[in-house]
Amino acid sequence: MSENKPPHLGLRLLGWFSLLCRDYVLLVGIALMIGLPVAWWGAQKFLDTYQFHTTLSVSLFVITALSMLLIALLTVTYQSQSAKAAMANPADGLSYE
């Protein structure tokens, strides 16, 4: 069944997916470079208004950055699977059965 498929198709899809992920990781990285200093400054200004101060740890921002990257990669993965299924020719799937 699946041995009839050309072997280079998976490599092309993997290359396309890695390019897509790299673009999104770059965009998320740029957003983090802009957003994290602004968030730190805003949170610090907000916390300075209280009498009892607390410090902002770097781990809070690292966890935020990693979770943003994970959400972006999961979204790209899900959308690429949905797009691949939606754009597939139904006759190709039937010809292998």
PDB file of N, CA and C in Angstrom:
ATOM      1  N   MET A   1       0.824  -1.185   0.000  1.00  0.00           N
ATOM      2  CA  MET A   1       0.000   0.000   0.000  1.00  0.00           C
ATOM      3  C   MET A   1       0.881   1.268   0.000  1.00  0.00           C
ATOM      4  N   SER A   2       1.558   1.511   1.120  1.00  0.00           N
ATOM      5  CA  SER A   2       2.334   2.740   1.224  1.00  0.00           C
ATOM      6  C   SER A   2       3.679   2.637   0.516  1.00  0.00           C
ATOM      7  N   GLU A   3       4.085   1.432   0.096  1.00  0.00           N
ATOM      8  CA  GLU A   3       5.364   1.288  -0.586  1.00  0.00           C
ATOM      9  C   GLU A   3       5.309   1.854  -1.997  1.00  0.00           C
ATOM     10  N   ASN A   4       4.122   2.169  -2.515  1.00  0.00           N
ATOM     11  CA  ASN A   4       3.982   2.741  -3.847  1.00  0.00           C
ATOM     12  C   ASN A   4       4.253   4.237  -3.863  1.00  0.00           C
ATOM     13  N   LYS A   5       4.246   4.867  -2.710  1.00  0.00           N
ATOM     14  CA  LYS A   5       4.472   6.308  -2.647  1.00  0.00           C
ATOM     15  C   LYS A   5       5.937   6.615  -2.931  1.00  0.00           C
ATOM     16  N   PRO A   6       6.199   7.721  -3.599  1.00  0.00           N
ATOM     17  CA  PRO A   6       7.599   8.079  -3.853  1.00  0.00           C
ATOM     18  C   PRO A   6       8.299   8.455  -2.553  1.00  0.00           C
ATOM     19  N   PRO A   7       9.548   8.010  -2.359  1.00  0.00           N
ATOM     20  CA  PRO A   7      10.232   8.250  -1.083  1.00  0.00           C
ATOM     21  C   PRO A   7      10.619   9.707  -0.863  1.00  0.00           C
ATOM     22  N   HIS A   8      10.740  10.481  -1.912  1.00  0.00           N
ATOM     23  CA  HIS A   8      11.173  11.867  -1.745  1.00  0.00           C
ATOM     24  C   HIS A   8      10.053  12.782  -1.286  1.00  0.00           C
ATOM     25  N   LEU A   9       8.814  12.316  -1.295  1.00  0.00           N
ATOM     26  CA  LEU A   9       7.695  13.154  -0.868  1.00  0.00           C
ATOM     27  C   LEU A   9       7.810  13.534   0.602  1.00  0.00           C
ATOM     28  N   GLY A  10       8.192  12.563   1.439  1.00  0.00           N
ATOM     29  CA  GLY A  10       8.348  12.855   2.867  1.00  0.00           C
ATOM     30  C   GLY A  10       9.472  13.837   3.125  1.00  0.00           C
ATOM     31  N   LEU A  11      10.532  13.747   2.358  1.00  0.00           N
ATOM     32  CA  LEU A  11      11.646  14.687   2.536  1.00  0.00           C
ATOM     33  C   LEU A  11      11.251  16.094   2.123  1.00  0.00           C
ATOM     34  N   ARG A  12      10.464  16.200   1.061  1.00  0.00           N
ATOM     35  CA  ARG A  12      10.020  17.532   0.647  1.00  0.00           C
ATOM     36  C   ARG A  12       9.090  18.148   1.688  1.00  0.00           C
ATOM     37  N   LEU A  13       8.184  17.345   2.237  1.00  0.00           N
ATOM     38  CA  LEU A  13       7.281  17.855   3.263  1.00  0.00           C
ATOM     39  C   LEU A  13       8.043  18.252   4.523  1.00  0.00           C
ATOM     40  N   LEU A  14       9.049  17.462   4.891  1.00  0.00           N
ATOM     41  CA  LEU A  14       9.848  17.780   6.067  1.00  0.00           C
ATOM     42  C   LEU A  14      10.629  19.072   5.860  1.00  0.00           C
ATOM     43  N   GLY A  15      11.183  19.269   4.677  1.00  0.00           N
ATOM     44  CA  GLY A  15      11.897  20.508   4.379  1.00  0.00           C
ATOM     45  C   GLY A  15      10.978  21.714   4.408  1.00  0.00           C
ATOM     46  N   TRP A  16       9.778  21.564   3.851  1.00  0.00           N
ATOM     47  CA  TRP A  16       8.807  22.652   3.860  1.00  0.00           C
ATOM     48  C   TRP A  16       8.387  22.980   5.283  1.00  0.00           C
ATOM     49  N   PHE A  17       8.171  21.944   6.094  1.00  0.00           N
ATOM     50  CA  PHE A  17       7.748  22.147   7.472  1.00  0.00           C
ATOM     51  C   PHE A  17       8.845  22.832   8.281  1.00  0.00           C
ATOM     52  N   SER A  18      10.104  22.451   8.061  1.00  0.00           N
ATOM     53  CA  SER A  18      11.188  23.080   8.817  1.00  0.00           C
ATOM     54  C   SER A  18      11.339  24.547   8.426  1.00  0.00           C
ATOM     55  N   LEU A  19      11.125  24.880   7.158  1.00  0.00           N
ATOM     56  CA  LEU A  19      11.168  26.291   6.744  1.00  0.00           C
ATOM     57  C   LEU A  19      10.033  27.074   7.377  1.00  0.00           C
ATOM     58  N   LEU A  20       8.855  26.465   7.413  1.00  0.00           N
ATOM     59  CA  LEU A  20       7.702  27.127   8.015  1.00  0.00           C
ATOM     60  C   LEU A  20       7.926  27.357   9.506  1.00  0.00           C
ATOM     61  N   CYS A  21       8.443  26.360  10.195  1.00  0.00           N
ATOM     62  CA  CYS A  21       8.699  26.494  11.627  1.00  0.00           C
ATOM     63  C   CYS A  21       9.775  27.535  11.885  1.00  0.00           C
ATOM     64  N   ARG A  22      10.803  27.550  11.049  1.00  0.00           N
ATOM     65  CA  ARG A  22      11.873  28.523  11.245  1.00  0.00           C
ATOM     66  C   ARG A  22      11.343  29.948  11.114  1.00  0.00           C
ATOM     67  N   ASP A  23      10.438  30.169  10.164  1.00  0.00           N
ATOM     68  CA  ASP A  23       9.852  31.494  10.000  1.00  0.00           C
ATOM     69  C   ASP A  23       9.044  31.892  11.233  1.00  0.00           C
ATOM     70  N   TYR A  24       8.256  30.974  11.752  1.00  0.00           N
ATOM     71  CA  TYR A  24       7.447  31.296  12.926  1.00  0.00           C
ATOM     72  C   TYR A  24       8.300  31.465  14.178  1.00  0.00           C
ATOM     73  N   VAL A  25       9.336  30.673  14.311  1.00  0.00           N
ATOM     74  CA  VAL A  25      10.231  30.827  15.458  1.00  0.00           C
ATOM     75  C   VAL A  25      10.924  32.194  15.384  1.00  0.00           C
ATOM     76  N   LEU A  26      11.292  32.618  14.190  1.00  0.00           N
ATOM     77  CA  LEU A  26      11.900  33.938  14.024  1.00  0.00           C
ATOM     78  C   LEU A  26      10.915  35.042  14.417  1.00  0.00           C
ATOM     79  N   LEU A  27       9.667  34.918  13.985  1.00  0.00           N
ATOM     80  CA  LEU A  27       8.662  35.926  14.339  1.00  0.00           C
ATOM     81  C   LEU A  27       8.390  35.953  15.846  1.00  0.00           C
ATOM     82  N   VAL A  28       8.304  34.785  16.460  1.00  0.00           N
ATOM     83  CA  VAL A  28       8.087  34.724  17.911  1.00  0.00           C
ATOM     84  C   VAL A  28       9.302  35.291  18.635  1.00  0.00           C
ATOM     85  N   GLY A  29      10.500  35.018  18.132  1.00  0.00           N
ATOM     86  CA  GLY A  29      11.715  35.568  18.736  1.00  0.00           C
ATOM     87  C   GLY A  29      11.745  37.089  18.683  1.00  0.00           C
ATOM     88  N   ILE A  30      11.354  37.650  17.553  1.00  0.00           N
ATOM     89  CA  ILE A  30      11.299  39.111  17.434  1.00  0.00           C
ATOM     90  C   ILE A  30      10.259  39.684  18.394  1.00  0.00           C
ATOM     91  N   ALA A  31       9.102  39.020  18.480  1.00  0.00           N
ATOM     92  CA  ALA A  31       8.059  39.473  19.408  1.00  0.00           C
ATOM     93  C   ALA A  31       8.543  39.414  20.849  1.00  0.00           C
ATOM     94  N   LEU A  32       9.298  38.365  21.185  1.00  0.00           N
ATOM     95  CA  LEU A  32       9.826  38.253  22.550  1.00  0.00           C
ATOM     96  C   LEU A  32      10.868  39.325  22.828  1.00  0.00           C
ATOM     97  N   MET A  33      11.707  39.622  21.849  1.00  0.00           N
ATOM     98  CA  MET A  33      12.734  40.653  22.052  1.00  0.00           C
ATOM     99  C   MET A  33      12.109  42.021  22.277  1.00  0.00           C
ATOM    100  N   ILE A  34      10.978  42.261  21.675  1.00  0.00           N
ATOM    101  CA  ILE A  34      10.289  43.541  21.868  1.00  0.00           C
ATOM    102  C   ILE A  34       9.429  43.497  23.130  1.00  0.00           C
ATOM    103  N   GLY A  35       8.704  42.397  23.310  1.00  0.00           N
ATOM    104  CA  GLY A  35       7.700  42.334  24.368  1.00  0.00           C
ATOM    105  C   GLY A  35       8.229  42.093  25.771  1.00  0.00           C
ATOM    106  N   LEU A  36       9.281  41.294  25.909  1.00  0.00           N
ATOM    107  CA  LEU A  36       9.768  40.986  27.257  1.00  0.00           C
ATOM    108  C   LEU A  36      10.329  42.207  27.990  1.00  0.00           C
ATOM    109  N   PRO A  37      11.146  43.048  27.373  1.00  0.00           N
ATOM    110  CA  PRO A  37      11.586  44.251  28.100  1.00  0.00           C
ATOM    111  C   PRO A  37      10.431  45.190  28.456  1.00  0.00           C
ATOM    112  N   VAL A  38       9.471  45.309  27.551  1.00  0.00           N
ATOM    113  CA  VAL A  38       8.312  46.166  27.832  1.00  0.00           C
ATOM    114  C   VAL A  38       7.494  45.576  28.981  1.00  0.00           C
ATOM    115  N   ALA A  39       7.307  44.266  28.983  1.00  0.00           N
ATOM    116  CA  ALA A  39       6.566  43.614  30.062  1.00  0.00           C
ATOM    117  C   ALA A  39       7.308  43.743  31.390  1.00  0.00           C
ATOM    118  N   TRP A  40       8.630  43.588  31.367  1.00  0.00           N
ATOM    119  CA  TRP A  40       9.411  43.732  32.602  1.00  0.00           C
ATOM    120  C   TRP A  40       9.291  45.154  33.130  1.00  0.00           C
ATOM    121  N   TRP A  41       9.431  46.145  32.245  1.00  0.00           N
ATOM    122  CA  TRP A  41       9.345  47.539  32.671  1.00  0.00           C
ATOM    123  C   TRP A  41       7.960  47.851  33.234  1.00  0.00           C
ATOM    124  N   GLY A  42       6.911  47.404  32.538  1.00  0.00           N
ATOM    125  CA  GLY A  42       5.549  47.671  33.002  1.00  0.00           C
ATOM    126  C   GLY A  42       5.241  46.980  34.319  1.00  0.00           C
ATOM    127  N   ALA A  43       5.676  45.740  34.455  1.00  0.00           N
ATOM    128  CA  ALA A  43       5.436  45.013  35.703  1.00  0.00           C
ATOM    129  C   ALA A  43       6.219  45.638  36.856  1.00  0.00           C
ATOM    130  N   GLN A  44       7.439  46.075  36.567  1.00  0.00           N
ATOM    131  CA  GLN A  44       8.250  46.711  37.610  1.00  0.00           C
ATOM    132  C   GLN A  44       7.620  48.027  38.066  1.00  0.00           C
ATOM    133  N   LYS A  45       7.144  48.816  37.112  1.00  0.00           N
ATOM    134  CA  LYS A  45       6.454  50.072  37.466  1.00  0.00           C
ATOM    135  C   LYS A  45       5.190  49.795  38.267  1.00  0.00           C
ATOM    136  N   PHE A  46       4.459  48.763  37.890  1.00  0.00           N
ATOM    137  CA  PHE A  46       3.235  48.410  38.602  1.00  0.00           C
ATOM    138  C   PHE A  46       3.554  47.951  40.018  1.00  0.00           C
ATOM    139  N   LEU A  47       4.578  47.116  40.167  1.00  0.00           N
ATOM    140  CA  LEU A  47       4.917  46.600  41.491  1.00  0.00           C
ATOM    141  C   LEU A  47       5.543  47.665  42.392  1.00  0.00           C
ATOM    142  N   ASP A  48       6.136  48.698  41.808  1.00  0.00           N
ATOM    143  CA  ASP A  48       6.729  49.775  42.607  1.00  0.00           C
ATOM    144  C   ASP A  48       5.671  50.614  43.316  1.00  0.00           C
ATOM    145  N   THR A  49       4.432  50.529  42.892  1.00  0.00           N
ATOM    146  CA  THR A  49       3.383  51.324  43.536  1.00  0.00           C
ATOM    147  C   THR A  49       2.955  50.735  44.878  1.00  0.00           C
ATOM    148  N   TYR A  50       3.341  49.510  45.169  1.00  0.00           N
ATOM    149  CA  TYR A  50       2.977  48.876  46.420  1.00  0.00           C
ATOM    150  C   TYR A  50       4.048  49.107  47.477  1.00  0.00           C
ATOM    151  N   GLN A  51       3.631  49.118  48.725  1.00  0.00           N
ATOM    152  CA  GLN A  51       4.556  49.354  49.820  1.00  0.00           C
ATOM    153  C   GLN A  51       5.510  48.171  50.004  1.00  0.00           C
ATOM    154  N   PHE A  52       5.003  46.960  49.900  1.00  0.00           N
ATOM    155  CA  PHE A  52       5.846  45.773  50.032  1.00  0.00           C
ATOM    156  C   PHE A  52       6.216  45.303  48.638  1.00  0.00           C
ATOM    157  N   HIS A  53       7.491  45.376  48.335  1.00  0.00           N
ATOM    158  CA  HIS A  53       7.968  45.062  46.988  1.00  0.00           C
ATOM    159  C   HIS A  53       8.317  43.591  46.856  1.00  0.00           C
ATOM    160  N   THR A  54       8.190  43.101  45.673  1.00  0.00           N
ATOM    161  CA  THR A  54       8.664  41.765  45.317  1.00  0.00           C
ATOM    162  C   THR A  54       9.514  41.905  44.062  1.00  0.00           C
ATOM    163  N   THR A  55      10.390  40.970  43.857  1.00  0.00           N
ATOM    164  CA  THR A  55      11.265  41.056  42.693  1.00  0.00           C
ATOM    165  C   THR A  55      10.738  40.159  41.588  1.00  0.00           C
ATOM    166  N   LEU A  56      11.017  40.550  40.370  1.00  0.00           N
ATOM    167  CA  LEU A  56      10.663  39.742  39.207  1.00  0.00           C
ATOM    168  C   LEU A  56      11.848  38.842  38.883  1.00  0.00           C
ATOM    169  N   SER A  57      11.597  37.553  38.811  1.00  0.00           N
ATOM    170  CA  SER A  57      12.691  36.631  38.508  1.00  0.00           C
ATOM    171  C   SER A  57      12.793  36.408  36.999  1.00  0.00           C
ATOM    172  N   VAL A  58      13.977  36.064  36.577  1.00  0.00           N
ATOM    173  CA  VAL A  58      14.228  35.798  35.166  1.00  0.00           C
ATOM    174  C   VAL A  58      13.495  34.530  34.735  1.00  0.00           C
ATOM    175  N   SER A  59      13.336  33.591  35.650  1.00  0.00           N
ATOM    176  CA  SER A  59      12.673  32.328  35.296  1.00  0.00           C
ATOM    177  C   SER A  59      11.231  32.555  34.840  1.00  0.00           C
ATOM    178  N   LEU A  60      10.581  33.567  35.358  1.00  0.00           N
ATOM    179  CA  LEU A  60       9.224  33.891  34.929  1.00  0.00           C
ATOM    180  C   LEU A  60       9.202  34.223  33.440  1.00  0.00           C
ATOM    181  N   PHE A  61      10.171  34.995  32.990  1.00  0.00           N
ATOM    182  CA  PHE A  61      10.221  35.395  31.597  1.00  0.00           C
ATOM    183  C   PHE A  61      10.718  34.259  30.701  1.00  0.00           C
ATOM    184  N   VAL A  62      11.591  33.424  31.213  1.00  0.00           N
ATOM    185  CA  VAL A  62      12.066  32.267  30.439  1.00  0.00           C
ATOM    186  C   VAL A  62      10.925  31.281  30.216  1.00  0.00           C
ATOM    187  N   ILE A  63      10.149  31.018  31.254  1.00  0.00           N
ATOM    188  CA  ILE A  63       9.004  30.113  31.125  1.00  0.00           C
ATOM    189  C   ILE A  63       7.980  30.694  30.149  1.00  0.00           C
ATOM    190  N   THR A  64       7.774  31.992  30.199  1.00  0.00           N
ATOM    191  CA  THR A  64       6.855  32.646  29.275  1.00  0.00           C
ATOM    192  C   THR A  64       7.339  32.498  27.836  1.00  0.00           C
ATOM    193  N   ALA A  65       8.634  32.727  27.617  1.00  0.00           N
ATOM    194  CA  ALA A  65       9.183  32.625  26.264  1.00  0.00           C
ATOM    195  C   ALA A  65       9.088  31.201  25.733  1.00  0.00           C
ATOM    196  N   LEU A  66       9.409  30.225  26.557  1.00  0.00           N
ATOM    197  CA  LEU A  66       9.342  28.830  26.118  1.00  0.00           C
ATOM    198  C   LEU A  66       7.905  28.400  25.835  1.00  0.00           C
ATOM    199  N   SER A  67       6.976  28.867  26.644  1.00  0.00           N
ATOM    200  CA  SER A  67       5.577  28.507  26.400  1.00  0.00           C
ATOM    201  C   SER A  67       5.056  29.159  25.122  1.00  0.00           C
ATOM    202  N   MET A  68       5.498  30.374  24.830  1.00  0.00           N
ATOM    203  CA  MET A  68       5.099  31.020  23.577  1.00  0.00           C
ATOM    204  C   MET A  68       5.642  30.257  22.378  1.00  0.00           C
ATOM    205  N   LEU A  69       6.895  29.820  22.457  1.00  0.00           N
ATOM    206  CA  LEU A  69       7.471  29.038  21.363  1.00  0.00           C
ATOM    207  C   LEU A  69       6.746  27.710  21.193  1.00  0.00           C
ATOM    208  N   LEU A  70       6.423  27.064  22.289  1.00  0.00           N
ATOM    209  CA  LEU A  70       5.721  25.783  22.224  1.00  0.00           C
ATOM    210  C   LEU A  70       4.336  25.946  21.607  1.00  0.00           C
ATOM    211  N   ILE A  71       3.617  26.970  22.013  1.00  0.00           N
ATOM    212  CA  ILE A  71       2.278  27.212  21.462  1.00  0.00           C
ATOM    213  C   ILE A  71       2.363  27.511  19.966  1.00  0.00           C
ATOM    214  N   ALA A  72       3.348  28.307  19.561  1.00  0.00           N
ATOM    215  CA  ALA A  72       3.503  28.630  18.142  1.00  0.00           C
ATOM    216  C   ALA A  72       3.828  27.384  17.329  1.00  0.00           C
ATOM    217  N   LEU A  73       4.736  26.537  17.828  1.00  0.00           N
ATOM    218  CA  LEU A  73       5.104  25.326  17.093  1.00  0.00           C
ATOM    219  C   LEU A  73       3.956  24.329  17.028  1.00  0.00           C
ATOM    220  N   LEU A  74       3.203  24.200  18.112  1.00  0.00           N
ATOM    221  CA  LEU A  74       2.043  23.306  18.088  1.00  0.00           C
ATOM    222  C   LEU A  74       0.974  23.809  17.119  1.00  0.00           C
ATOM    223  N   THR A  75       0.789  25.115  17.066  1.00  0.00           N
ATOM    224  CA  THR A  75      -0.185  25.689  16.146  1.00  0.00           C
ATOM    225  C   THR A  75       0.237  25.472  14.701  1.00  0.00           C
ATOM    226  N   VAL A  76       1.509  25.687  14.407  1.00  0.00           N
ATOM    227  CA  VAL A  76       2.009  25.466  13.048  1.00  0.00           C
ATOM    228  C   VAL A  76       1.874  24.002  12.667  1.00  0.00           C
ATOM    229  N   THR A  77       2.188  23.112  13.584  1.00  0.00           N
ATOM    230  CA  THR A  77       2.067  21.684  13.309  1.00  0.00           C
ATOM    231  C   THR A  77       0.624  21.301  13.021  1.00  0.00           C
ATOM    232  N   TYR A  78      -0.287  21.771  13.831  1.00  0.00           N
ATOM    233  CA  TYR A  78      -1.701  21.446  13.638  1.00  0.00           C
ATOM    234  C   TYR A  78      -2.215  22.018  12.322  1.00  0.00           C
ATOM    235  N   GLN A  79      -1.874  23.281  12.046  1.00  0.00           N
ATOM    236  CA  GLN A  79      -2.361  23.920  10.829  1.00  0.00           C
ATOM    237  C   GLN A  79      -1.761  23.283   9.581  1.00  0.00           C
ATOM    238  N   SER A  80      -0.510  22.865   9.647  1.00  0.00           N
ATOM    239  CA  SER A  80       0.092  22.255   8.464  1.00  0.00           C
ATOM    240  C   SER A  80      -0.529  20.884   8.197  1.00  0.00           C
ATOM    241  N   GLN A  81      -0.884  20.145   9.241  1.00  0.00           N
ATOM    242  CA  GLN A  81      -1.559  18.867   9.050  1.00  0.00           C
ATOM    243  C   GLN A  81      -2.961  19.079   8.480  1.00  0.00           C
ATOM    244  N   SER A  82      -3.652  20.107   8.955  1.00  0.00           N
ATOM    245  CA  SER A  82      -4.993  20.394   8.445  1.00  0.00           C
ATOM    246  C   SER A  82      -4.930  20.855   6.998  1.00  0.00           C
ATOM    247  N   ALA A  83      -3.952  21.686   6.676  1.00  0.00           N
ATOM    248  CA  ALA A  83      -3.822  22.179   5.311  1.00  0.00           C
ATOM    249  C   ALA A  83      -3.440  21.052   4.365  1.00  0.00           C
ATOM    250  N   LYS A  84      -2.579  20.155   4.818  1.00  0.00           N
ATOM    251  CA  LYS A  84      -2.171  19.034   3.974  1.00  0.00           C
ATOM    252  C   LYS A  84      -3.366  18.133   3.691  1.00  0.00           C
ATOM    253  N   ALA A  85      -4.183  17.904   4.687  1.00  0.00           N
ATOM    254  CA  ALA A  85      -5.359  17.056   4.486  1.00  0.00           C
ATOM    255  C   ALA A  85      -6.396  17.748   3.610  1.00  0.00           C
ATOM    256  N   ALA A  86      -6.538  19.052   3.755  1.00  0.00           N
ATOM    257  CA  ALA A  86      -7.538  19.775   2.977  1.00  0.00           C
ATOM    258  C   ALA A  86      -7.124  19.914   1.519  1.00  0.00           C
ATOM    259  N   MET A  87      -5.817  20.036   1.268  1.00  0.00           N
ATOM    260  CA  MET A  87      -5.349  20.245  -0.094  1.00  0.00           C
ATOM    261  C   MET A  87      -5.039  18.940  -0.826  1.00  0.00           C
ATOM    262  N   ALA A  88      -5.147  17.818  -0.141  1.00  0.00           N
ATOM    263  CA  ALA A  88      -4.833  16.541  -0.769  1.00  0.00           C
ATOM    264  C   ALA A  88      -5.898  16.176  -1.795  1.00  0.00           C
ATOM    265  N   ASN A  89      -5.456  15.548  -2.838  1.00  0.00           N
ATOM    266  CA  ASN A  89      -6.370  15.087  -3.869  1.00  0.00           C
ATOM    267  C   ASN A  89      -7.003  13.781  -3.396  1.00  0.00           C
ATOM    268  N   PRO A  90      -8.325  13.701  -3.293  1.00  0.00           N
ATOM    269  CA  PRO A  90      -8.960  12.484  -2.795  1.00  0.00           C
ATOM    270  C   PRO A  90      -8.678  11.269  -3.685  1.00  0.00           C
ATOM    271  N   ALA A  91      -8.460  11.484  -4.956  1.00  0.00           N
ATOM    272  CA  ALA A  91      -8.187  10.368  -5.863  1.00  0.00           C
ATOM    273  C   ALA A  91      -6.851   9.712  -5.544  1.00  0.00           C
ATOM    274  N   ASP A  92      -5.887  10.490  -5.049  1.00  0.00           N
ATOM    275  CA  ASP A  92      -4.588   9.913  -4.677  1.00  0.00           C
ATOM    276  C   ASP A  92      -4.734   8.953  -3.520  1.00  0.00           C
ATOM    277  N   GLY A  93      -5.551   9.287  -2.559  1.00  0.00           N
ATOM    278  CA  GLY A  93      -5.764   8.399  -1.423  1.00  0.00           C
ATOM    279  C   GLY A  93      -6.484   7.118  -1.821  1.00  0.00           C
ATOM    280  N   LEU A  94      -7.389   7.231  -2.752  1.00  0.00           N
ATOM    281  CA  LEU A  94      -8.137   6.046  -3.200  1.00  0.00           C
ATOM    282  C   LEU A  94      -7.293   5.134  -4.081  1.00  0.00           C
ATOM    283  N   SER A  95      -6.320   5.701  -4.773  1.00  0.00           N
ATOM    284  CA  SER A  95      -5.535   4.878  -5.683  1.00  0.00           C
ATOM    285  C   SER A  95      -4.611   3.927  -4.935  1.00  0.00           C
ATOM    286  N   TYR A  96      -4.278   4.215  -3.681  1.00  0.00           N
ATOM    287  CA  TYR A  96      -3.401   3.348  -2.913  1.00  0.00           C
ATOM    288  C   TYR A  96      -4.141   2.255  -2.175  1.00  0.00           C
ATOM    289  N   GLU A  97      -5.456   2.317  -2.142  1.00  0.00           N
ATOM    290  CA  GLU A  97      -6.226   1.320  -1.401  1.00  0.00           C
ATOM    291  C   GLU A  97      -6.505   0.094  -2.252  1.00  0.00           C
TER     292      GLU A  97
END
